C-alpha cells in the first residue's frame, strides 16, 4: 500500500495530493501566478498534517512534467 505525494505545478493552480492504493486521500491547492515556489512547501505541510501522515511515510513522489512555466515546474 504505497503512499504517493502528488505535485502539480504546470498550471496557474499549484496543487499537491496524497494517494494510497490508487485512492486520493486529500489534496490542497493555491491559485495565482508566481505562487508555486512560495507556497509548495506550505501546501505539502498542510496536506500531510490534514491527512495525519508524515513525509517519512511517503513511498514515492509523482511530479507533473509540463508543459508550463519553467520556474513553476522547477519549484514542483
PDB file of N, CA and C in Angstrom:
ATOM      1  N   UNK A   1       0.825  -1.182   0.000  1.00  0.00           N
ATOM      2  CA  UNK A   1       0.000   0.000   0.000  1.00  0.00           C
ATOM      3  C   UNK A   1       0.867   1.243   0.000  1.00  0.00           C
ATOM      4  N   UNK A   2       1.400   1.622  -1.190  1.00  0.00           N
ATOM      5  CA  UNK A   2       2.279   2.781  -1.276  1.00  0.00           C
ATOM      6  C   UNK A   2       1.533   4.099  -1.065  1.00  0.00           C
ATOM      7  N   UNK A   3       2.182   4.991  -0.364  1.00  0.00           N
ATOM      8  CA  UNK A   3       1.681   6.352  -0.164  1.00  0.00           C
ATOM      9  C   UNK A   3       2.452   7.248  -1.124  1.00  0.00           C
ATOM     10  N   UNK A   4       1.737   7.937  -2.014  1.00  0.00           N
ATOM     11  CA  UNK A   4       2.380   8.740  -3.049  1.00  0.00           C
ATOM     12  C   UNK A   4       2.015  10.208  -2.876  1.00  0.00           C
ATOM     13  N   UNK A   5       3.036  11.062  -2.858  1.00  0.00           N
ATOM     14  CA  UNK A   5       2.848  12.509  -2.843  1.00  0.00           C
ATOM     15  C   UNK A   5       2.733  12.970  -4.292  1.00  0.00           C
ATOM     16  N   UNK A   6       1.645  13.652  -4.617  1.00  0.00           N
ATOM     17  CA  UNK A   6       1.359  14.115  -5.975  1.00  0.00           C
ATOM     18  C   UNK A   6       1.582  15.622  -6.044  1.00  0.00           C
ATOM     19  N   UNK A   7       2.367  16.074  -7.013  1.00  0.00           N
ATOM     20  CA  UNK A   7       2.658  17.504  -7.152  1.00  0.00           C
ATOM     21  C   UNK A   7       2.329  17.945  -8.579  1.00  0.00           C
ATOM     22  N   UNK A   8       1.461  18.934  -8.703  1.00  0.00           N
ATOM     23  CA  UNK A   8       1.088  19.515  -9.998  1.00  0.00           C
ATOM     24  C   UNK A   8       1.464  20.985  -9.971  1.00  0.00           C
ATOM     25  N   UNK A   9       2.441  21.362 -10.774  1.00  0.00           N
ATOM     26  CA  UNK A   9       2.869  22.757 -10.788  1.00  0.00           C
ATOM     27  C   UNK A   9       3.002  23.302 -12.207  1.00  0.00           C
ATOM     28  N   UNK A  10       2.355  22.664 -13.181  1.00  0.00           N
ATOM     29  CA  UNK A  10       2.497  23.105 -14.570  1.00  0.00           C
ATOM     30  C   UNK A  10       1.429  24.116 -14.990  1.00  0.00           C
ATOM     31  N   UNK A  11       0.449  24.378 -14.144  1.00  0.00           N
ATOM     32  CA  UNK A  11      -0.602  25.338 -14.472  1.00  0.00           C
ATOM     33  C   UNK A  11      -0.565  26.488 -13.471  1.00  0.00           C
ATOM     34  N   UNK A  12      -1.472  27.438 -13.616  1.00  0.00           N
ATOM     35  CA  UNK A  12      -1.509  28.553 -12.664  1.00  0.00           C
ATOM     36  C   UNK A  12      -1.947  28.111 -11.277  1.00  0.00           C
ATOM     37  N   UNK A  13      -2.643  26.979 -11.194  1.00  0.00           N
ATOM     38  CA  UNK A  13      -3.037  26.432  -9.904  1.00  0.00           C
ATOM     39  C   UNK A  13      -2.014  25.393  -9.489  1.00  0.00           C
ATOM     40  N   UNK A  14      -1.364  25.632  -8.378  1.00  0.00           N
ATOM     41  CA  UNK A  14      -0.398  24.678  -7.836  1.00  0.00           C
ATOM     42  C   UNK A  14      -1.157  23.767  -6.878  1.00  0.00           C
ATOM     43  N   UNK A  15      -1.012  22.460  -7.059  1.00  0.00           N
ATOM     44  CA  UNK A  15      -1.738  21.557  -6.177  1.00  0.00           C
ATOM     45  C   UNK A  15      -0.864  20.381  -5.762  1.00  0.00           C
ATOM     46  N   UNK A  16      -1.174  19.861  -4.587  1.00  0.00           N
ATOM     47  CA  UNK A  16      -0.493  18.679  -4.064  1.00  0.00           C
ATOM     48  C   UNK A  16      -1.558  17.729  -3.533  1.00  0.00           C
ATOM     49  N   UNK A  17      -1.259  16.453  -3.573  1.00  0.00           N
ATOM     50  CA  UNK A  17      -2.204  15.472  -3.092  1.00  0.00           C
ATOM     51  C   UNK A  17      -1.488  14.275  -2.521  1.00  0.00           C
ATOM     52  N   UNK A  18      -2.219  13.462  -1.795  1.00  0.00           N
ATOM     53  CA  UNK A  18      -1.702  12.200  -1.267  1.00  0.00           C
ATOM     54  C   UNK A  18      -2.604  11.089  -1.773  1.00  0.00           C
ATOM     55  N   UNK A  19      -1.977  10.063  -2.313  1.00  0.00           N
ATOM     56  CA  UNK A  19      -2.700   8.915  -2.837  1.00  0.00           C
ATOM     57  C   UNK A  19      -2.186   7.649  -2.161  1.00  0.00           C
ATOM     58  N   UNK A  20      -3.115   6.766  -1.826  1.00  0.00           N
ATOM     59  CA  UNK A  20      -2.737   5.481  -1.239  1.00  0.00           C
ATOM     60  C   UNK A  20      -3.580   4.399  -1.891  1.00  0.00           C
ATOM     61  N   UNK A  21      -2.911   3.393  -2.400  1.00  0.00           N
ATOM     62  CA  UNK A  21      -3.604   2.301  -3.098  1.00  0.00           C
ATOM     63  C   UNK A  21      -4.479   2.800  -4.238  1.00  0.00           C
ATOM     64  N   UNK A  22      -4.004   3.838  -4.949  1.00  0.00           N
ATOM     65  CA  UNK A  22      -4.754   4.363  -6.078  1.00  0.00           C
ATOM     66  C   UNK A  22      -5.937   5.227  -5.715  1.00  0.00           C
ATOM     67  N   UNK A  23      -6.080   5.554  -4.442  1.00  0.00           N
ATOM     68  CA  UNK A  23      -7.208   6.372  -3.972  1.00  0.00           C
ATOM     69  C   UNK A  23      -6.678   7.689  -3.432  1.00  0.00           C
ATOM     70  N   UNK A  24      -7.255   8.798  -3.857  1.00  0.00           N
ATOM     71  CA  UNK A  24      -6.843  10.111  -3.379  1.00  0.00           C
ATOM     72  C   UNK A  24      -7.314  10.294  -1.941  1.00  0.00           C
ATOM     73  N   UNK A  25      -6.375  10.521  -1.033  1.00  0.00           N
ATOM     74  CA  UNK A  25      -6.717  10.729   0.378  1.00  0.00           C
ATOM     75  C   UNK A  25      -7.113  12.170   0.659  1.00  0.00           C
ATOM     76  N   UNK A  26      -6.335  13.102   0.093  1.00  0.00           N
ATOM     77  CA  UNK A  26      -6.575  14.519   0.347  1.00  0.00           C
ATOM     78  C   UNK A  26      -5.787  15.325  -0.672  1.00  0.00           C
ATOM     79  N   UNK A  27      -6.175  16.588  -0.860  1.00  0.00           N
ATOM     80  CA  UNK A  27      -5.476  17.480  -1.780  1.00  0.00           C
ATOM     81  C   UNK A  27      -5.592  18.916  -1.287  1.00  0.00           C
ATOM     82  N   UNK A  28      -4.599  19.726  -1.651  1.00  0.00           N
ATOM     83  CA  UNK A  28      -4.589  21.157  -1.327  1.00  0.00           C
ATOM     84  C   UNK A  28      -4.127  21.898  -2.567  1.00  0.00           C
ATOM     85  N   UNK A  29      -4.615  23.118  -2.745  1.00  0.00           N
ATOM     86  CA  UNK A  29      -4.191  23.898  -3.902  1.00  0.00           C
ATOM     87  C   UNK A  29      -4.124  25.378  -3.591  1.00  0.00           C
ATOM     88  N   UNK A  30      -3.322  26.068  -4.399  1.00  0.00           N
ATOM     89  CA  UNK A  30      -3.185  27.518  -4.310  1.00  0.00           C
ATOM     90  C   UNK A  30      -3.253  28.071  -5.720  1.00  0.00           C
ATOM     91  N   UNK A  31      -4.123  29.035  -5.946  1.00  0.00           N
ATOM     92  CA  UNK A  31      -4.270  29.624  -7.267  1.00  0.00           C
ATOM     93  C   UNK A  31      -3.511  30.931  -7.342  1.00  0.00           C
ATOM     94  N   UNK A  32      -3.088  31.250  -8.543  1.00  0.00           N
ATOM     95  CA  UNK A  32      -2.420  32.518  -8.779  1.00  0.00           C
ATOM     96  C   UNK A  32      -1.057  32.314  -9.400  1.00  0.00           C
ATOM     97  N   UNK A  33      -0.738  33.175 -10.354  1.00  0.00           N
ATOM     98  CA  UNK A  33       0.575  33.081 -10.989  1.00  0.00           C
ATOM     99  C   UNK A  33       1.686  33.427 -10.005  1.00  0.00           C
ATOM    100  N   UNK A  34       2.807  32.808 -10.201  1.00  0.00           N
ATOM    101  CA  UNK A  34       4.015  33.084  -9.414  1.00  0.00           C
ATOM    102  C   UNK A  34       3.885  32.732  -7.938  1.00  0.00           C
ATOM    103  N   UNK A  35       2.962  31.861  -7.591  1.00  0.00           N
ATOM    104  CA  UNK A  35       2.767  31.445  -6.202  1.00  0.00           C
ATOM    105  C   UNK A  35       3.420  30.098  -5.904  1.00  0.00           C
ATOM    106  N   UNK A  36       3.770  29.348  -6.920  1.00  0.00           N
ATOM    107  CA  UNK A  36       4.200  27.971  -6.758  1.00  0.00           C
ATOM    108  C   UNK A  36       5.377  27.809  -5.800  1.00  0.00           C
ATOM    109  N   UNK A  37       6.466  28.489  -6.086  1.00  0.00           N
ATOM    110  CA  UNK A  37       7.671  28.331  -5.283  1.00  0.00           C
ATOM    111  C   UNK A  37       7.447  28.784  -3.846  1.00  0.00           C
ATOM    112  N   UNK A  38       6.687  29.842  -3.672  1.00  0.00           N
ATOM    113  CA  UNK A  38       6.443  30.364  -2.329  1.00  0.00           C
ATOM    114  C   UNK A  38       5.494  29.486  -1.517  1.00  0.00           C
ATOM    115  N   UNK A  39       4.603  28.760  -2.182  1.00  0.00           N
ATOM    116  CA  UNK A  39       3.549  28.048  -1.463  1.00  0.00           C
ATOM    117  C   UNK A  39       3.693  26.526  -1.404  1.00  0.00           C
ATOM    118  N   UNK A  40       4.528  25.935  -2.260  1.00  0.00           N
ATOM    119  CA  UNK A  40       4.512  24.481  -2.389  1.00  0.00           C
ATOM    120  C   UNK A  40       4.848  23.750  -1.097  1.00  0.00           C
ATOM    121  N   UNK A  41       5.850  24.206  -0.371  1.00  0.00           N
ATOM    122  CA  UNK A  41       6.194  23.525   0.887  1.00  0.00           C
ATOM    123  C   UNK A  41       5.106  23.722   1.934  1.00  0.00           C
ATOM    124  N   UNK A  42       4.457  24.874   1.921  1.00  0.00           N
ATOM    125  CA  UNK A  42       3.352  25.121   2.847  1.00  0.00           C
ATOM    126  C   UNK A  42       2.166  24.219   2.525  1.00  0.00           C
ATOM    127  N   UNK A  43       1.896  24.036   1.237  1.00  0.00           N
ATOM    128  CA  UNK A  43       0.802  23.150   0.827  1.00  0.00           C
ATOM    129  C   UNK A  43       1.092  21.706   1.226  1.00  0.00           C
ATOM    130  N   UNK A  44       2.321  21.270   1.040  1.00  0.00           N
ATOM    131  CA  UNK A  44       2.689  19.901   1.413  1.00  0.00           C
ATOM    132  C   UNK A  44       2.550  19.706   2.919  1.00  0.00           C
ATOM    133  N   UNK A  45       2.966  20.695   3.692  1.00  0.00           N
ATOM    134  CA  UNK A  45       2.830  20.610   5.153  1.00  0.00           C
ATOM    135  C   UNK A  45       1.362  20.550   5.555  1.00  0.00           C
ATOM    136  N   UNK A  46       0.549  21.415   4.958  1.00  0.00           N
ATOM    137  CA  UNK A  46      -0.893  21.422   5.245  1.00  0.00           C
ATOM    138  C   UNK A  46      -1.525  20.083   4.873  1.00  0.00           C
ATOM    139  N   UNK A  47      -1.128  19.557   3.732  1.00  0.00           N
ATOM    140  CA  UNK A  47      -1.662  18.282   3.241  1.00  0.00           C
ATOM    141  C   UNK A  47      -1.326  17.123   4.176  1.00  0.00           C
ATOM    142  N   UNK A  48      -0.063  16.999   4.526  1.00  0.00           N
ATOM    143  CA  UNK A  48       0.340  15.867   5.372  1.00  0.00           C
ATOM    144  C   UNK A  48      -0.278  15.956   6.756  1.00  0.00           C
ATOM    145  N   UNK A  49      -0.332  17.151   7.310  1.00  0.00           N
ATOM    146  CA  UNK A  49      -0.967  17.318   8.633  1.00  0.00           C
ATOM    147  C   UNK A  49      -2.455  16.970   8.567  1.00  0.00           C
ATOM    148  N   UNK A  50      -3.127  17.452   7.525  1.00  0.00           N
ATOM    149  CA  UNK A  50      -4.553  17.201   7.370  1.00  0.00           C
ATOM    150  C   UNK A  50      -4.882  15.730   7.171  1.00  0.00           C
ATOM    151  N   UNK A  51      -3.959  15.004   6.537  1.00  0.00           N
ATOM    152  CA  UNK A  51      -4.176  13.582   6.287  1.00  0.00           C
ATOM    153  C   UNK A  51      -3.640  12.713   7.428  1.00  0.00           C
ATOM    154  N   UNK A  52      -3.025  13.363   8.428  1.00  0.00           N
ATOM    155  CA  UNK A  52      -2.480  12.610   9.554  1.00  0.00           C
ATOM    156  C   UNK A  52      -1.285  11.758   9.171  1.00  0.00           C
ATOM    157  N   UNK A  53      -0.498  12.221   8.198  1.00  0.00           N
ATOM    158  CA  UNK A  53       0.678  11.491   7.718  1.00  0.00           C
ATOM    159  C   UNK A  53       1.916  12.357   7.865  1.00  0.00           C
ATOM    160  N   UNK A  54       3.071  11.758   7.680  1.00  0.00           N
ATOM    161  CA  UNK A  54       4.330  12.488   7.690  1.00  0.00           C
ATOM    162  C   UNK A  54       5.036  12.277   6.361  1.00  0.00           C
ATOM    163  N   UNK A  55       5.990  13.132   6.052  1.00  0.00           N
ATOM    164  CA  UNK A  55       6.757  12.955   4.823  1.00  0.00           C
ATOM    165  C   UNK A  55       7.571  11.668   4.861  1.00  0.00           C
ATOM    166  N   UNK A  56       7.968  11.243   6.035  1.00  0.00           N
ATOM    167  CA  UNK A  56       8.722   9.994   6.156  1.00  0.00           C
ATOM    168  C   UNK A  56       7.894   8.794   5.716  1.00  0.00           C
ATOM    169  N   UNK A  57       6.587   8.899   5.779  1.00  0.00           N
ATOM    170  CA  UNK A  57       5.705   7.801   5.396  1.00  0.00           C
ATOM    171  C   UNK A  57       5.508   7.706   3.881  1.00  0.00           C
ATOM    172  N   UNK A  58       5.911   8.748   3.147  1.00  0.00           N
ATOM    173  CA  UNK A  58       5.726   8.779   1.697  1.00  0.00           C
ATOM    174  C   UNK A  58       6.685   7.800   1.031  1.00  0.00           C
ATOM    175  N   UNK A  59       6.137   6.959   0.146  1.00  0.00           N
ATOM    176  CA  UNK A  59       6.935   5.964  -0.557  1.00  0.00           C
ATOM    177  C   UNK A  59       7.459   6.459  -1.906  1.00  0.00           C
ATOM    178  N   UNK A  60       6.720   7.389  -2.531  1.00  0.00           N
ATOM    179  CA  UNK A  60       7.108   7.881  -3.850  1.00  0.00           C
ATOM    180  C   UNK A  60       6.533   9.273  -4.063  1.00  0.00           C
ATOM    181  N   UNK A  61       7.113   9.981  -5.032  1.00  0.00           N
ATOM    182  CA  UNK A  61       6.641  11.309  -5.395  1.00  0.00           C
ATOM    183  C   UNK A  61       6.354  11.311  -6.890  1.00  0.00           C
ATOM    184  N   UNK A  62       5.178  11.796  -7.275  1.00  0.00           N
ATOM    185  CA  UNK A  62       4.800  11.941  -8.678  1.00  0.00           C
ATOM    186  C   UNK A  62       4.700  13.431  -8.978  1.00  0.00           C
ATOM    187  N   UNK A  63       5.435  13.881 -10.001  1.00  0.00           N
ATOM    188  CA  UNK A  63       5.505  15.302 -10.328  1.00  0.00           C
ATOM    189  C   UNK A  63       5.104  15.498 -11.789  1.00  0.00           C
ATOM    190  N   UNK A  64       4.304  16.528 -12.051  1.00  0.00           N
ATOM    191  CA  UNK A  64       3.940  16.838 -13.433  1.00  0.00           C
ATOM    192  C   UNK A  64       5.182  17.310 -14.182  1.00  0.00           C
ATOM    193  N   UNK A  65       5.197  17.056 -15.500  1.00  0.00           N
ATOM    194  CA  UNK A  65       6.370  17.431 -16.280  1.00  0.00           C
ATOM    195  C   UNK A  65       6.089  18.559 -17.272  1.00  0.00           C
ATOM    196  N   UNK A  66       4.875  19.048 -17.311  1.00  0.00           N
ATOM    197  CA  UNK A  66       4.578  20.191 -18.164  1.00  0.00           C
ATOM    198  C   UNK A  66       3.656  19.832 -19.303  1.00  0.00           C
ATOM    199  N   UNK A  67       3.458  20.734 -20.208  1.00  0.00           N
ATOM    200  CA  UNK A  67       4.182  21.982 -20.341  1.00  0.00           C
ATOM    201  C   UNK A  67       3.751  22.989 -19.286  1.00  0.00           C
ATOM    202  N   UNK A  68       4.551  23.980 -19.099  1.00  0.00           N
ATOM    203  CA  UNK A  68       4.256  25.004 -18.121  1.00  0.00           C
ATOM    204  C   UNK A  68       5.460  25.891 -17.907  1.00  0.00           C
ATOM    205  N   UNK A  69       5.334  26.816 -16.992  1.00  0.00           N
ATOM    206  CA  UNK A  69       6.410  27.729 -16.667  1.00  0.00           C
ATOM    207  C   UNK A  69       7.606  26.964 -16.088  1.00  0.00           C
ATOM    208  N   UNK A  70       8.798  27.240 -16.590  1.00  0.00           N
ATOM    209  CA  UNK A  70      10.000  26.565 -16.104  1.00  0.00           C
ATOM    210  C   UNK A  70      10.183  26.782 -14.612  1.00  0.00           C
ATOM    211  N   UNK A  71       9.960  27.999 -14.145  1.00  0.00           N
ATOM    212  CA  UNK A  71      10.116  28.287 -12.713  1.00  0.00           C
ATOM    213  C   UNK A  71       9.118  27.506 -11.889  1.00  0.00           C
ATOM    214  N   UNK A  72       7.889  27.421 -12.337  1.00  0.00           N
ATOM    215  CA  UNK A  72       6.865  26.669 -11.600  1.00  0.00           C
ATOM    216  C   UNK A  72       7.176  25.190 -11.600  1.00  0.00           C
ATOM    217  N   UNK A  73       7.596  24.644 -12.738  1.00  0.00           N
ATOM    218  CA  UNK A  73       7.932  23.227 -12.809  1.00  0.00           C
ATOM    219  C   UNK A  73       9.146  22.914 -11.950  1.00  0.00           C
ATOM    220  N   UNK A  74      10.124  23.766 -11.972  1.00  0.00           N
ATOM    221  CA  UNK A  74      11.331  23.580 -11.159  1.00  0.00           C
ATOM    222  C   UNK A  74      10.953  23.620  -9.677  1.00  0.00           C
ATOM    223  N   UNK A  75      10.043  24.480  -9.297  1.00  0.00           N
ATOM    224  CA  UNK A  75       9.567  24.542  -7.911  1.00  0.00           C
ATOM    225  C   UNK A  75       8.899  23.256  -7.486  1.00  0.00           C
ATOM    226  N   UNK A  76       8.146  22.669  -8.406  1.00  0.00           N
ATOM    227  CA  UNK A  76       7.484  21.393  -8.133  1.00  0.00           C
ATOM    228  C   UNK A  76       8.480  20.281  -7.975  1.00  0.00           C
TER     229      UNK A  76
END
